[in-house]
Amino acid sequence: MTAVGIIGLGNMGRGMALTLKGAGFAVTGYDAAAATREMLAAEGIAIADGIDAVVAAADIVILSLPTAEIVERVVEGAGGILAHARAGVIIVDTSTSHPETSRRLASLLKACGMGFVDAPVSGGPKGAATGTMTMVIGADDADLACVLPVLERMSAKRVHVGGVGAGNVAKIVNNLLCAAHLLTAAEALRIAKAAGVDAGRLLEGLNAGSGRSGVTLVNVPNWILNGAFDSGFTMQLMRKDVRLAAQFIGELGLALPMAADTARIWAESATRIADPEDFNRVVELQLGPIAKP
């Protein structure tokens, strides 16, 4: 049975760890926060003392971390994965990271006989806990074949986009579209309110037509119109992802006005919506406060 290590046991990493343990894999976890380690230990996950112990115990090490900078520290920082490299181990980074970060780290790991797969995920904490996430994957065919049995138990849908880094290109574009669609969906709902049309009926009509999106199909009915705002993904994380998209677009030398407007609005939202709030609350910039019925 493949031994799996997970570094980063927050909302997403916790769900992945429990899902894989339930599927029969030997799972060892580590998190920088002592309280998080204690919580996962109480849920039956074997907790390592540090990154070195995770690498020593695992055939596949999954990273579930907030930013590309933290991924870099975990892989190449003092006491990180490279310092305890073990040939044959494959790193699967499920974080939303920069494509060039993935490619650079993959090269460093390859020199030590280790593999690297970027497989950023969608589906939130619920998807992680139920093994129903979607993964967009950047990997060499051989590395992907080795980790696929694990990824299949973690996710319901997997798309191999291309070589290392391609998964993060796809994820950056995905999250930029989600961020933009939340803004346009909010404007659509504002039009409905001003025109005296019921929001729920409008949504039903949109979702039957070509204007529908993942936001109108999932976010608006499940987390917005009902006032729940409990998706498990924060304003801070989405603002980070939109900044990453804007940075990447700039590096590519592209002038994309709609992307630029999306980035500006999300950046300005920091003055009105706090970091810990659910990312769907960005619609309140147009609609005002939404409470549970």
Protein backbone atom coordinates (compact mmCIF):
# COMPACT_ATOMS: atom_id res chain seq x y z
CA MET A 1 0.00 0.00 0.00
CA THR A 2 1.34 3.41 -0.99
CA ALA A 3 2.39 5.58 1.96
CA VAL A 4 1.20 9.18 1.66
CA GLY A 5 2.49 12.24 3.48
CA ILE A 6 0.55 15.49 3.66
CA ILE A 7 2.15 18.80 4.54
CA GLY A 8 -0.43 21.45 5.36
CA LEU A 9 -3.42 20.20 7.34
CA GLY A 10 -5.76 23.19 7.10
CA ASN A 11 -9.27 23.10 5.68
CA MET A 12 -8.18 21.32 2.49
CA GLY A 13 -5.28 19.22 3.79
CA ARG A 14 -7.39 17.89 6.64
CA GLY A 15 -10.07 16.66 4.25
CA MET A 16 -7.50 15.04 1.96
CA ALA A 17 -5.81 13.30 4.89
CA LEU A 18 -9.05 11.87 6.25
CA THR A 19 -10.26 10.85 2.78
CA LEU A 20 -7.05 8.97 2.00
CA LYS A 21 -6.95 7.36 5.44
CA GLY A 22 -10.52 6.19 4.92
CA ALA A 23 -9.49 4.74 1.54
CA GLY A 24 -6.89 2.56 3.25
CA PHE A 25 -3.71 4.52 2.60
CA ALA A 26 -1.05 4.89 5.30
CA VAL A 27 -1.19 8.66 5.90
CA THR A 28 1.34 10.77 7.79
CA GLY A 29 0.67 14.47 8.23
CA TYR A 30 2.46 17.60 9.32
CA ASP A 31 1.39 21.21 9.85
CA ALA A 32 3.32 24.21 11.15
CA ALA A 33 0.54 24.93 13.67
CA ALA A 34 0.60 22.81 16.83
CA ALA A 35 -3.17 23.18 17.36
CA THR A 36 -3.83 21.81 13.87
CA ARG A 37 -1.49 18.87 14.45
CA GLU A 38 -3.30 18.07 17.70
CA MET A 39 -6.72 18.24 16.05
CA LEU A 40 -5.71 15.84 13.25
CA ALA A 41 -4.04 13.48 15.71
CA ALA A 42 -7.35 13.34 17.61
CA GLU A 43 -9.02 12.37 14.32
CA GLY A 44 -6.67 9.43 13.85
CA ILE A 45 -4.02 10.86 11.50
CA ALA A 46 -0.43 9.91 12.29
CA ILE A 47 1.41 13.19 12.89
CA ALA A 48 5.10 13.62 12.09
CA ASP A 49 7.48 15.79 14.09
CA GLY A 50 8.62 17.66 11.00
CA ILE A 51 9.01 17.72 7.24
CA ASP A 52 11.95 15.31 7.42
CA ALA A 53 9.80 12.63 9.04
CA VAL A 54 7.10 13.04 6.38
CA VAL A 55 9.58 12.56 3.55
CA ALA A 56 11.12 9.56 5.30
CA ALA A 57 7.73 7.88 5.74
CA ALA A 58 6.08 8.55 2.38
CA ASP A 59 6.18 7.41 -1.22
CA ILE A 60 4.08 10.43 -2.24
CA VAL A 61 4.09 13.77 -0.41
CA ILE A 62 1.09 16.04 -0.94
CA LEU A 63 1.41 19.78 -0.33
CA SER A 64 -1.67 21.79 0.62
CA LEU A 65 -0.33 25.28 1.33
CA PRO A 66 -1.69 28.84 1.04
CA THR A 67 0.87 30.50 -1.25
CA ALA A 68 3.67 29.86 -3.73
CA GLU A 69 6.10 31.45 -1.28
CA ILE A 70 5.23 28.91 1.41
CA VAL A 71 5.55 26.09 -1.12
CA GLU A 72 9.07 27.35 -1.89
CA ARG A 73 10.01 27.43 1.80
CA VAL A 74 8.68 23.94 2.42
CA VAL A 75 10.55 22.49 -0.55
CA GLU A 76 13.86 24.36 -0.57
CA GLY A 77 14.04 26.17 2.77
CA ALA A 78 16.14 25.15 5.74
CA GLY A 79 14.94 21.76 6.93
CA GLY A 80 12.68 21.44 3.90
CA ILE A 81 12.04 18.60 1.49
CA LEU A 82 15.24 19.09 -0.52
CA ALA A 83 17.32 18.97 2.65
CA HIS A 84 15.88 15.51 3.31
CA ALA A 85 15.57 14.37 -0.31
CA ARG A 86 14.85 10.70 -0.90
CA ALA A 87 15.06 9.35 -4.45
CA GLY A 88 11.81 7.97 -5.83
CA VAL A 89 9.48 10.15 -3.75
CA ILE A 90 7.02 12.23 -5.78
CA ILE A 91 5.75 15.60 -4.56
CA VAL A 92 2.16 16.51 -5.47
CA ASP A 93 1.46 20.20 -4.95
CA THR A 94 -2.27 20.85 -4.66
CA SER A 95 -1.74 24.52 -3.79
CA THR A 96 -2.57 27.33 -6.19
CA SER A 97 0.96 28.40 -7.07
CA HIS A 98 2.91 30.16 -9.80
CA PRO A 99 3.68 27.99 -12.85
CA GLU A 100 7.34 29.03 -12.86
CA THR A 101 7.63 28.17 -9.17
CA SER A 102 6.38 24.68 -9.99
CA ARG A 103 8.82 24.29 -12.89
CA ARG A 104 11.80 25.53 -10.90
CA LEU A 105 11.07 23.29 -7.92
CA ALA A 106 10.46 20.33 -10.22
CA SER A 107 13.93 20.83 -11.69
CA LEU A 108 15.56 20.97 -8.26
CA LEU A 109 13.73 17.85 -7.12
CA LYS A 110 14.54 15.97 -10.32
CA ALA A 111 18.25 16.52 -9.64
CA CYS A 112 17.71 14.62 -6.37
CA GLY A 113 15.83 11.77 -8.06
CA MET A 114 12.41 13.01 -6.98
CA GLY A 115 9.30 13.78 -9.04
CA PHE A 116 6.93 16.75 -8.98
CA VAL A 117 3.29 17.10 -10.01
CA ASP A 118 1.28 20.32 -9.80
CA ALA A 119 -2.34 19.40 -9.21
CA PRO A 120 -4.22 22.43 -7.86
CA VAL A 121 -7.73 21.63 -6.72
CA SER A 122 -11.26 23.02 -6.80
CA GLY A 123 -14.18 21.90 -4.69
CA GLY A 124 -13.43 23.45 -1.32
CA PRO A 125 -13.23 21.71 2.06
CA LYS A 126 -16.36 19.69 1.30
CA GLY A 127 -14.77 18.29 -1.87
CA ALA A 128 -11.59 17.46 0.01
CA ALA A 129 -13.52 15.67 2.76
CA THR A 130 -15.63 13.65 0.31
CA GLY A 131 -13.00 12.91 -2.33
CA THR A 132 -14.96 14.83 -4.97
CA MET A 133 -12.51 17.59 -5.84
CA THR A 134 -11.52 18.56 -9.37
CA MET A 135 -7.80 18.59 -10.23
CA VAL A 136 -6.06 20.30 -13.13
CA ILE A 137 -2.71 18.59 -13.47
CA GLY A 138 0.72 19.47 -14.78
CA ALA A 139 3.06 16.47 -14.85
CA ASP A 140 5.28 14.15 -16.80
CA ASP A 141 3.32 11.08 -17.89
CA ALA A 142 5.47 8.72 -15.80
CA ASP A 143 5.09 10.70 -12.58
CA LEU A 144 1.36 11.06 -13.12
CA ALA A 145 0.99 7.31 -13.62
CA CYS A 146 2.70 6.70 -10.27
CA VAL A 147 0.47 9.06 -8.29
CA LEU A 148 -2.81 8.48 -10.14
CA PRO A 149 -4.16 5.78 -7.76
CA VAL A 150 -3.89 8.31 -4.92
CA LEU A 151 -5.34 11.20 -6.93
CA GLU A 152 -8.27 9.02 -7.98
CA ARG A 153 -9.29 8.57 -4.35
CA MET A 154 -8.93 12.29 -3.63
CA SER A 155 -10.90 13.64 -6.58
CA ALA A 156 -13.88 12.99 -8.82
CA LYS A 157 -12.46 14.65 -11.92
CA ARG A 158 -8.88 15.05 -13.15
CA VAL A 159 -7.65 16.84 -16.26
CA HIS A 160 -4.02 16.39 -17.34
CA VAL A 161 -3.42 19.79 -18.92
CA GLY A 162 0.25 19.33 -19.84
CA GLY A 163 3.75 19.27 -18.38
CA VAL A 164 4.78 20.62 -15.00
CA GLY A 165 3.35 24.11 -14.45
CA ALA A 166 0.39 23.63 -16.79
CA GLY A 167 -1.89 22.70 -13.91
CA ASN A 168 -1.23 26.02 -12.23
CA VAL A 169 -1.78 27.93 -15.48
CA ALA A 170 -5.22 26.31 -15.68
CA LYS A 171 -5.97 27.00 -12.00
CA ILE A 172 -4.94 30.65 -12.24
CA VAL A 173 -7.26 31.11 -15.23
CA ASN A 174 -10.06 29.20 -13.46
CA ASN A 175 -9.91 31.34 -10.34
CA LEU A 176 -9.69 34.56 -12.37
CA LEU A 177 -12.86 33.54 -14.22
CA CYS A 178 -14.59 32.66 -10.94
CA ALA A 179 -13.61 36.05 -9.49
CA ALA A 180 -14.92 37.84 -12.59
CA HIS A 181 -18.12 35.79 -12.71
CA LEU A 182 -18.92 36.70 -9.10
CA LEU A 183 -18.75 40.37 -10.07
CA THR A 184 -20.92 39.98 -13.17
CA ALA A 185 -23.41 37.74 -11.33
CA ALA A 186 -23.73 40.44 -8.66
CA GLU A 187 -24.49 43.01 -11.35
CA ALA A 188 -27.08 40.66 -12.87
CA LEU A 189 -28.80 40.32 -9.49
CA ARG A 190 -28.74 44.09 -9.06
CA ILE A 191 -30.42 44.50 -12.45
CA ALA A 192 -33.10 42.03 -11.38
CA LYS A 193 -33.72 43.90 -8.12
CA ALA A 194 -33.98 47.27 -9.87
CA ALA A 195 -36.33 45.80 -12.47
CA GLY A 196 -38.55 44.15 -9.86
CA VAL A 197 -37.72 40.57 -10.89
CA ASP A 198 -37.39 37.82 -8.29
CA ALA A 199 -33.72 36.83 -7.92
CA GLY A 200 -34.48 33.13 -7.66
CA ARG A 201 -36.59 33.14 -10.81
CA LEU A 202 -33.94 35.15 -12.66
CA LEU A 203 -31.33 32.62 -11.60
CA GLU A 204 -33.47 29.77 -12.88
CA GLY A 205 -33.75 31.50 -16.24
CA LEU A 206 -30.02 32.23 -16.45
CA ASN A 207 -29.09 28.68 -15.61
CA ALA A 208 -31.33 27.42 -18.41
CA GLY A 209 -29.55 29.64 -20.92
CA SER A 210 -26.10 30.46 -22.27
CA GLY A 211 -25.36 33.03 -19.57
CA ARG A 212 -24.94 30.43 -16.86
CA SER A 213 -21.61 29.83 -15.14
CA GLY A 214 -20.22 27.84 -12.24
CA VAL A 215 -21.00 30.86 -10.08
CA THR A 216 -24.68 30.99 -11.07
CA LEU A 217 -25.04 27.22 -10.88
CA VAL A 218 -23.24 26.69 -7.56
CA ASN A 219 -22.17 29.81 -5.67
CA VAL A 220 -25.29 31.93 -5.98
CA PRO A 221 -27.84 29.29 -4.87
CA ASN A 222 -25.66 27.56 -2.26
CA TRP A 223 -23.84 30.43 -0.57
CA ILE A 224 -25.25 33.81 -1.65
CA LEU A 225 -29.03 34.00 -2.03
CA ASN A 226 -29.50 31.97 1.15
CA GLY A 227 -27.08 34.21 3.08
CA ALA A 228 -24.97 31.23 4.14
CA PHE A 229 -21.55 32.48 2.98
CA ASP A 230 -19.89 29.34 4.31
CA SER A 231 -18.01 27.95 1.30
CA GLY A 232 -14.80 27.57 3.32
CA PHE A 233 -12.79 29.79 0.93
CA THR A 234 -11.92 33.28 2.17
CA MET A 235 -11.66 36.73 0.68
CA GLN A 236 -7.96 36.70 1.57
CA LEU A 237 -7.33 33.57 -0.49
CA MET A 238 -9.27 34.76 -3.51
CA ARG A 239 -7.60 38.17 -3.40
CA LYS A 240 -4.26 36.33 -3.35
CA ASP A 241 -5.27 34.24 -6.37
CA VAL A 242 -6.45 37.29 -8.33
CA ARG A 243 -3.16 39.06 -7.55
CA LEU A 244 -1.33 35.97 -8.80
CA ALA A 245 -3.38 36.06 -12.01
CA ALA A 246 -2.62 39.75 -12.53
CA GLN A 247 1.09 39.12 -11.93
CA PHE A 248 1.14 36.22 -14.38
CA ILE A 249 -0.71 38.20 -17.06
CA GLY A 250 1.84 40.99 -16.66
CA GLU A 251 4.74 38.56 -16.97
CA LEU A 252 3.23 37.29 -20.22
CA GLY A 253 3.12 40.85 -21.55
CA LEU A 254 -0.62 40.80 -22.10
CA ALA A 255 -3.03 43.74 -21.89
CA LEU A 256 -6.36 42.29 -20.74
CA PRO A 257 -8.79 45.04 -19.70
CA MET A 258 -11.47 42.83 -18.15
CA ALA A 259 -8.88 40.94 -16.13
CA ALA A 260 -7.40 44.26 -15.04
CA ASP A 261 -10.80 45.56 -13.89
CA THR A 262 -11.43 42.32 -12.01
CA ALA A 263 -8.06 42.61 -10.26
CA ARG A 264 -8.72 46.25 -9.35
CA ILE A 265 -12.16 45.58 -7.87
CA TRP A 266 -10.93 42.62 -5.83
CA ALA A 267 -7.96 44.63 -4.54
CA GLU A 268 -10.23 47.55 -3.57
CA SER A 269 -12.60 45.16 -1.79
CA ALA A 270 -10.05 44.85 1.01
CA THR A 271 -11.21 48.23 2.37
CA ARG A 272 -14.78 46.96 2.78
CA ILE A 273 -14.68 43.18 3.28
CA ALA A 274 -12.30 41.62 5.81
CA ASP A 275 -9.85 38.87 4.89
CA PRO A 276 -11.53 36.07 6.92
CA GLU A 277 -14.95 36.61 5.29
CA ASP A 278 -16.26 34.15 2.72
CA PHE A 279 -15.10 35.06 -0.79
CA ASN A 280 -18.67 35.08 -2.10
CA ARG A 281 -19.30 38.22 -0.04
CA VAL A 282 -17.68 40.21 -2.82
CA VAL A 283 -21.20 40.39 -4.31
CA GLU A 284 -22.14 42.69 -1.43
CA LEU A 285 -20.12 45.44 -3.10
CA GLN A 286 -23.08 45.65 -5.52
CA LEU A 287 -25.95 44.22 -3.48
CA GLY A 288 -25.27 45.44 0.02
CA PRO A 289 -25.35 43.18 3.10
CA ILE A 290 -27.12 39.84 2.60
CA ALA A 291 -28.45 38.10 5.69
CA LYS A 292 -29.89 34.63 6.10
CA PRO A 293 -33.67 34.66 5.49
